[in-house]
Amino acid sequence: DYLKSATNANPSQALTAFRQVAQAYPKAPTVQYGYAQVLSWQPATREESIRVYLQLLQMDTAQSERYKNGLEQVLEWHSPSAELIPLYKQAMQANPASKYAPLSLGRALWQDAGDLAAAQPVYAQLVQDFPTDTKLVGEYAELLA
């Protein structure tokens, strides 16, 4: 909560300070985790947050569940883009149980790249894995329409 309130008070100044600390301590998981969290709160820095979480998953396996949860959160908030498709695939490999990495991939393929044929099997698998998610099922129905 302290991080969030400090970031909300002056976002650009707080982000600059966090970036400097993260660069000074690139192998400190606690510092990088805090940095990834701060990055996730602003739409313009969510891509960087995803990258930091993916690095954390490789750096500190003891805290992998924590980082997977953070990655899921930022992917849920993130607006998918076709240029980030390799990043979504990397996130799917890092967290095979992820809902939001394949959903980001499917949305990027369908809504940004316009590749319905590539998006369809991604959504089909998501609906199979998360059949009670009515929003997801609705998106899949829209894709098929």
C-alpha atoms as a PDB file:
ATOM      1  CA  ASP A   1       0.000   0.000   0.000  1.00  0.00           C
ATOM      2  CA  TYR A   2       2.881   2.360   0.754  1.00  0.00           C
ATOM      3  CA  LEU A   3       4.356   1.686  -2.685  1.00  0.00           C
ATOM      4  CA  LYS A   4       1.043   2.351  -4.356  1.00  0.00           C
ATOM      5  CA  SER A   5       0.400   5.584  -2.467  1.00  0.00           C
ATOM      6  CA  ALA A   6       3.922   6.865  -3.185  1.00  0.00           C
ATOM      7  CA  THR A   7       3.519   5.995  -6.853  1.00  0.00           C
ATOM      8  CA  ASN A   8       0.091   7.646  -7.089  1.00  0.00           C
ATOM      9  CA  ALA A   9       1.349  10.882  -5.510  1.00  0.00           C
ATOM     10  CA  ASN A  10       3.926  11.483  -8.250  1.00  0.00           C
ATOM     11  CA  PRO A  11       3.989   8.600 -10.741  1.00  0.00           C
ATOM     12  CA  SER A  12       6.865   9.724 -12.960  1.00  0.00           C
ATOM     13  CA  GLN A  13       9.144  10.633 -10.056  1.00  0.00           C
ATOM     14  CA  ALA A  14       8.370   7.386  -8.211  1.00  0.00           C
ATOM     15  CA  LEU A  15       8.916   5.324 -11.365  1.00  0.00           C
ATOM     16  CA  THR A  16      12.265   7.028 -12.016  1.00  0.00           C
ATOM     17  CA  ALA A  17      13.376   6.283  -8.452  1.00  0.00           C
ATOM     18  CA  PHE A  18      12.262   2.649  -8.679  1.00  0.00           C
ATOM     19  CA  ARG A  19      13.958   2.233 -12.043  1.00  0.00           C
ATOM     20  CA  GLN A  20      17.242   3.536 -10.594  1.00  0.00           C
ATOM     21  CA  VAL A  21      17.070   1.170  -7.625  1.00  0.00           C
ATOM     22  CA  ALA A  22      16.165  -1.785  -9.879  1.00  0.00           C
ATOM     23  CA  GLN A  23      19.101  -1.005 -12.163  1.00  0.00           C
ATOM     24  CA  ALA A  24      21.443  -0.750  -9.169  1.00  0.00           C
ATOM     25  CA  TYR A  25      20.297  -4.166  -7.855  1.00  0.00           C
ATOM     26  CA  PRO A  26      19.497  -6.295 -10.937  1.00  0.00           C
ATOM     27  CA  LYS A  27      20.025  -9.601  -9.117  1.00  0.00           C
ATOM     28  CA  ALA A  28      18.037  -8.740  -5.976  1.00  0.00           C
ATOM     29  CA  PRO A  29      14.667 -10.513  -6.343  1.00  0.00           C
ATOM     30  CA  THR A  30      12.963  -8.427  -3.661  1.00  0.00           C
ATOM     31  CA  VAL A  31      13.930  -5.196  -5.420  1.00  0.00           C
ATOM     32  CA  GLN A  32      12.928  -6.540  -8.831  1.00  0.00           C
ATOM     33  CA  TYR A  33       9.607  -7.802  -7.466  1.00  0.00           C
ATOM     34  CA  GLY A  34       8.770  -4.362  -6.050  1.00  0.00           C
ATOM     35  CA  TYR A  35       9.766  -2.823  -9.362  1.00  0.00           C
ATOM     36  CA  ALA A  36       7.541  -5.230 -11.309  1.00  0.00           C
ATOM     37  CA  GLN A  37       4.628  -4.342  -9.050  1.00  0.00           C
ATOM     38  CA  VAL A  38       5.114  -0.607  -9.542  1.00  0.00           C
ATOM     39  CA  LEU A  39       5.388  -1.071 -13.306  1.00  0.00           C
ATOM     40  CA  SER A  40       2.143  -3.041 -13.378  1.00  0.00           C
ATOM     41  CA  TRP A  41       0.074  -0.128 -12.043  1.00  0.00           C
ATOM     42  CA  GLN A  42       0.536   2.097 -15.110  1.00  0.00           C
ATOM     43  CA  PRO A  43      -0.724   0.976 -18.536  1.00  0.00           C
ATOM     44  CA  ALA A  44       2.339   2.431 -20.272  1.00  0.00           C
ATOM     45  CA  THR A  45       4.754   0.291 -18.231  1.00  0.00           C
ATOM     46  CA  ARG A  46       2.900  -3.022 -18.079  1.00  0.00           C
ATOM     47  CA  GLU A  47       4.945  -4.579 -20.893  1.00  0.00           C
ATOM     48  CA  GLU A  48       8.099  -3.907 -18.885  1.00  0.00           C
ATOM     49  CA  SER A  49       6.407  -5.394 -15.806  1.00  0.00           C
ATOM     50  CA  ILE A  50       5.693  -8.598 -17.726  1.00  0.00           C
ATOM     51  CA  ARG A  51       9.350  -8.791 -18.734  1.00  0.00           C
ATOM     52  CA  VAL A  52      10.549  -8.264 -15.154  1.00  0.00           C
ATOM     53  CA  TYR A  53       8.209 -10.985 -13.847  1.00  0.00           C
ATOM     54  CA  LEU A  54       9.489 -13.387 -16.508  1.00  0.00           C
ATOM     55  CA  GLN A  55      13.077 -12.624 -15.459  1.00  0.00           C
ATOM     56  CA  LEU A  56      12.140 -13.192 -11.815  1.00  0.00           C
ATOM     57  CA  LEU A  57      10.708 -16.608 -12.661  1.00  0.00           C
ATOM     58  CA  GLN A  58      14.111 -17.582 -14.053  1.00  0.00           C
ATOM     59  CA  MET A  59      16.124 -15.876 -11.298  1.00  0.00           C
ATOM     60  CA  ASP A  60      14.342 -17.013  -8.116  1.00  0.00           C
ATOM     61  CA  THR A  61      12.476 -20.326  -8.375  1.00  0.00           C
ATOM     62  CA  ALA A  62      11.813 -20.403  -4.616  1.00  0.00           C
ATOM     63  CA  GLN A  63       9.271 -17.582  -5.038  1.00  0.00           C
ATOM     64  CA  SER A  64       7.838 -18.740  -8.365  1.00  0.00           C
ATOM     65  CA  GLU A  65       4.205 -18.830  -7.190  1.00  0.00           C
ATOM     66  CA  ARG A  66       4.463 -15.222  -6.044  1.00  0.00           C
ATOM     67  CA  TYR A  67       5.866 -14.172  -9.411  1.00  0.00           C
ATOM     68  CA  LYS A  68       3.330 -16.229 -11.357  1.00  0.00           C
ATOM     69  CA  ASN A  69       0.539 -14.500  -9.440  1.00  0.00           C
ATOM     70  CA  GLY A  70       2.053 -11.090 -10.192  1.00  0.00           C
ATOM     71  CA  LEU A  71       2.436 -12.009 -13.851  1.00  0.00           C
ATOM     72  CA  GLU A  72      -1.198 -13.129 -14.018  1.00  0.00           C
ATOM     73  CA  GLN A  73      -2.314  -9.850 -12.472  1.00  0.00           C
ATOM     74  CA  VAL A  74      -0.418  -7.664 -14.933  1.00  0.00           C
ATOM     75  CA  LEU A  75      -1.521  -9.800 -17.898  1.00  0.00           C
ATOM     76  CA  GLU A  76      -5.122  -9.422 -16.743  1.00  0.00           C
ATOM     77  CA  TRP A  77      -4.760  -5.614 -16.701  1.00  0.00           C
ATOM     78  CA  HIS A  78      -2.651  -5.428 -19.869  1.00  0.00           C
ATOM     79  CA  SER A  79      -4.065  -4.523 -23.295  1.00  0.00           C
ATOM     80  CA  PRO A  80      -2.789  -7.233 -25.675  1.00  0.00           C
ATOM     81  CA  SER A  81      -0.792  -6.299 -28.742  1.00  0.00           C
ATOM     82  CA  ALA A  82       0.292  -8.412 -31.728  1.00  0.00           C
ATOM     83  CA  GLU A  83       3.863  -7.155 -31.361  1.00  0.00           C
ATOM     84  CA  LEU A  84       4.006  -8.830 -27.930  1.00  0.00           C
ATOM     85  CA  ILE A  85       2.943 -12.304 -29.110  1.00  0.00           C
ATOM     86  CA  PRO A  86       6.423 -13.776 -28.389  1.00  0.00           C
ATOM     87  CA  LEU A  87       6.187 -12.399 -24.844  1.00  0.00           C
ATOM     88  CA  TYR A  88       2.786 -14.058 -24.278  1.00  0.00           C
ATOM     89  CA  LYS A  89       4.190 -17.355 -25.546  1.00  0.00           C
ATOM     90  CA  GLN A  90       7.108 -17.000 -23.155  1.00  0.00           C
ATOM     91  CA  ALA A  91       4.665 -16.331 -20.304  1.00  0.00           C
ATOM     92  CA  MET A  92       2.695 -19.450 -21.264  1.00  0.00           C
ATOM     93  CA  GLN A  93       5.878 -21.522 -21.075  1.00  0.00           C
ATOM     94  CA  ALA A  94       6.849 -19.994 -17.732  1.00  0.00           C
ATOM     95  CA  ASN A  95       3.380 -20.622 -16.282  1.00  0.00           C
ATOM     96  CA  PRO A  96       1.523 -23.443 -18.073  1.00  0.00           C
ATOM     97  CA  ALA A  97      -1.467 -22.999 -15.729  1.00  0.00           C
ATOM     98  CA  SER A  98      -1.859 -19.354 -16.746  1.00  0.00           C
ATOM     99  CA  LYS A  99      -5.218 -18.086 -17.864  1.00  0.00           C
ATOM    100  CA  TYR A 100      -4.177 -14.588 -18.886  1.00  0.00           C
ATOM    101  CA  ALA A 101      -1.076 -15.419 -20.952  1.00  0.00           C
ATOM    102  CA  PRO A 102      -3.038 -17.507 -23.488  1.00  0.00           C
ATOM    103  CA  LEU A 103      -5.941 -15.067 -23.277  1.00  0.00           C
ATOM    104  CA  SER A 104      -3.540 -12.220 -24.122  1.00  0.00           C
ATOM    105  CA  LEU A 105      -2.188 -14.314 -26.997  1.00  0.00           C
ATOM    106  CA  GLY A 106      -5.675 -15.104 -28.284  1.00  0.00           C
ATOM    107  CA  ARG A 107      -6.801 -11.483 -28.054  1.00  0.00           C
ATOM    108  CA  ALA A 108      -3.633 -10.241 -29.747  1.00  0.00           C
ATOM    109  CA  LEU A 109      -4.063 -12.719 -32.589  1.00  0.00           C
ATOM    110  CA  TRP A 110      -7.760 -12.009 -33.042  1.00  0.00           C
ATOM    111  CA  GLN A 111      -8.301  -8.368 -32.149  1.00  0.00           C
ATOM    112  CA  ASP A 112      -4.953  -6.852 -33.076  1.00  0.00           C
ATOM    113  CA  ALA A 113      -3.518  -9.082 -35.807  1.00  0.00           C
ATOM    114  CA  GLY A 114      -6.899 -10.132 -37.238  1.00  0.00           C
ATOM    115  CA  ASP A 115      -5.778 -13.776 -37.455  1.00  0.00           C
ATOM    116  CA  LEU A 116      -8.979 -15.639 -36.579  1.00  0.00           C
ATOM    117  CA  ALA A 117      -7.575 -18.992 -37.664  1.00  0.00           C
ATOM    118  CA  ALA A 118      -4.656 -18.718 -35.240  1.00  0.00           C
ATOM    119  CA  ALA A 119      -6.808 -17.344 -32.412  1.00  0.00           C
ATOM    120  CA  GLN A 120      -9.474 -20.056 -32.635  1.00  0.00           C
ATOM    121  CA  PRO A 121      -7.435 -22.971 -31.168  1.00  0.00           C
ATOM    122  CA  VAL A 122      -6.088 -20.719 -28.411  1.00  0.00           C
ATOM    123  CA  TYR A 123      -9.633 -19.797 -27.387  1.00  0.00           C
ATOM    124  CA  ALA A 124     -10.843 -23.391 -27.752  1.00  0.00           C
ATOM    125  CA  GLN A 125      -8.187 -24.527 -25.261  1.00  0.00           C
ATOM    126  CA  LEU A 126      -9.008 -21.654 -22.898  1.00  0.00           C
ATOM    127  CA  VAL A 127     -12.714 -22.552 -22.904  1.00  0.00           C
ATOM    128  CA  GLN A 128     -11.796 -26.166 -22.227  1.00  0.00           C
ATOM    129  CA  ASP A 129      -9.510 -25.142 -19.343  1.00  0.00           C
ATOM    130  CA  PHE A 130     -11.863 -22.485 -17.891  1.00  0.00           C
ATOM    131  CA  PRO A 131     -15.412 -23.578 -18.845  1.00  0.00           C
ATOM    132  CA  THR A 132     -17.135 -21.582 -16.096  1.00  0.00           C
ATOM    133  CA  ASP A 133     -15.695 -18.235 -17.224  1.00  0.00           C
ATOM    134  CA  THR A 134     -18.736 -16.796 -18.963  1.00  0.00           C
ATOM    135  CA  LYS A 135     -16.874 -13.755 -20.292  1.00  0.00           C
ATOM    136  CA  LEU A 136     -14.297 -16.008 -21.926  1.00  0.00           C
ATOM    137  CA  VAL A 137     -16.978 -18.293 -23.370  1.00  0.00           C
ATOM    138  CA  GLY A 138     -18.741 -15.194 -24.738  1.00  0.00           C
ATOM    139  CA  GLU A 139     -15.548 -13.961 -26.392  1.00  0.00           C
ATOM    140  CA  TYR A 140     -15.045 -17.368 -27.984  1.00  0.00           C
ATOM    141  CA  ALA A 141     -18.629 -17.366 -29.290  1.00  0.00           C
ATOM    142  CA  GLU A 142     -18.050 -13.893 -30.734  1.00  0.00           C
ATOM    143  CA  LEU A 143     -14.860 -15.077 -32.425  1.00  0.00           C
ATOM    144  CA  LEU A 144     -16.724 -18.005 -33.991  1.00  0.00           C
ATOM    145  CA  ALA A 145     -19.654 -15.873 -35.176  1.00  0.00           C
END
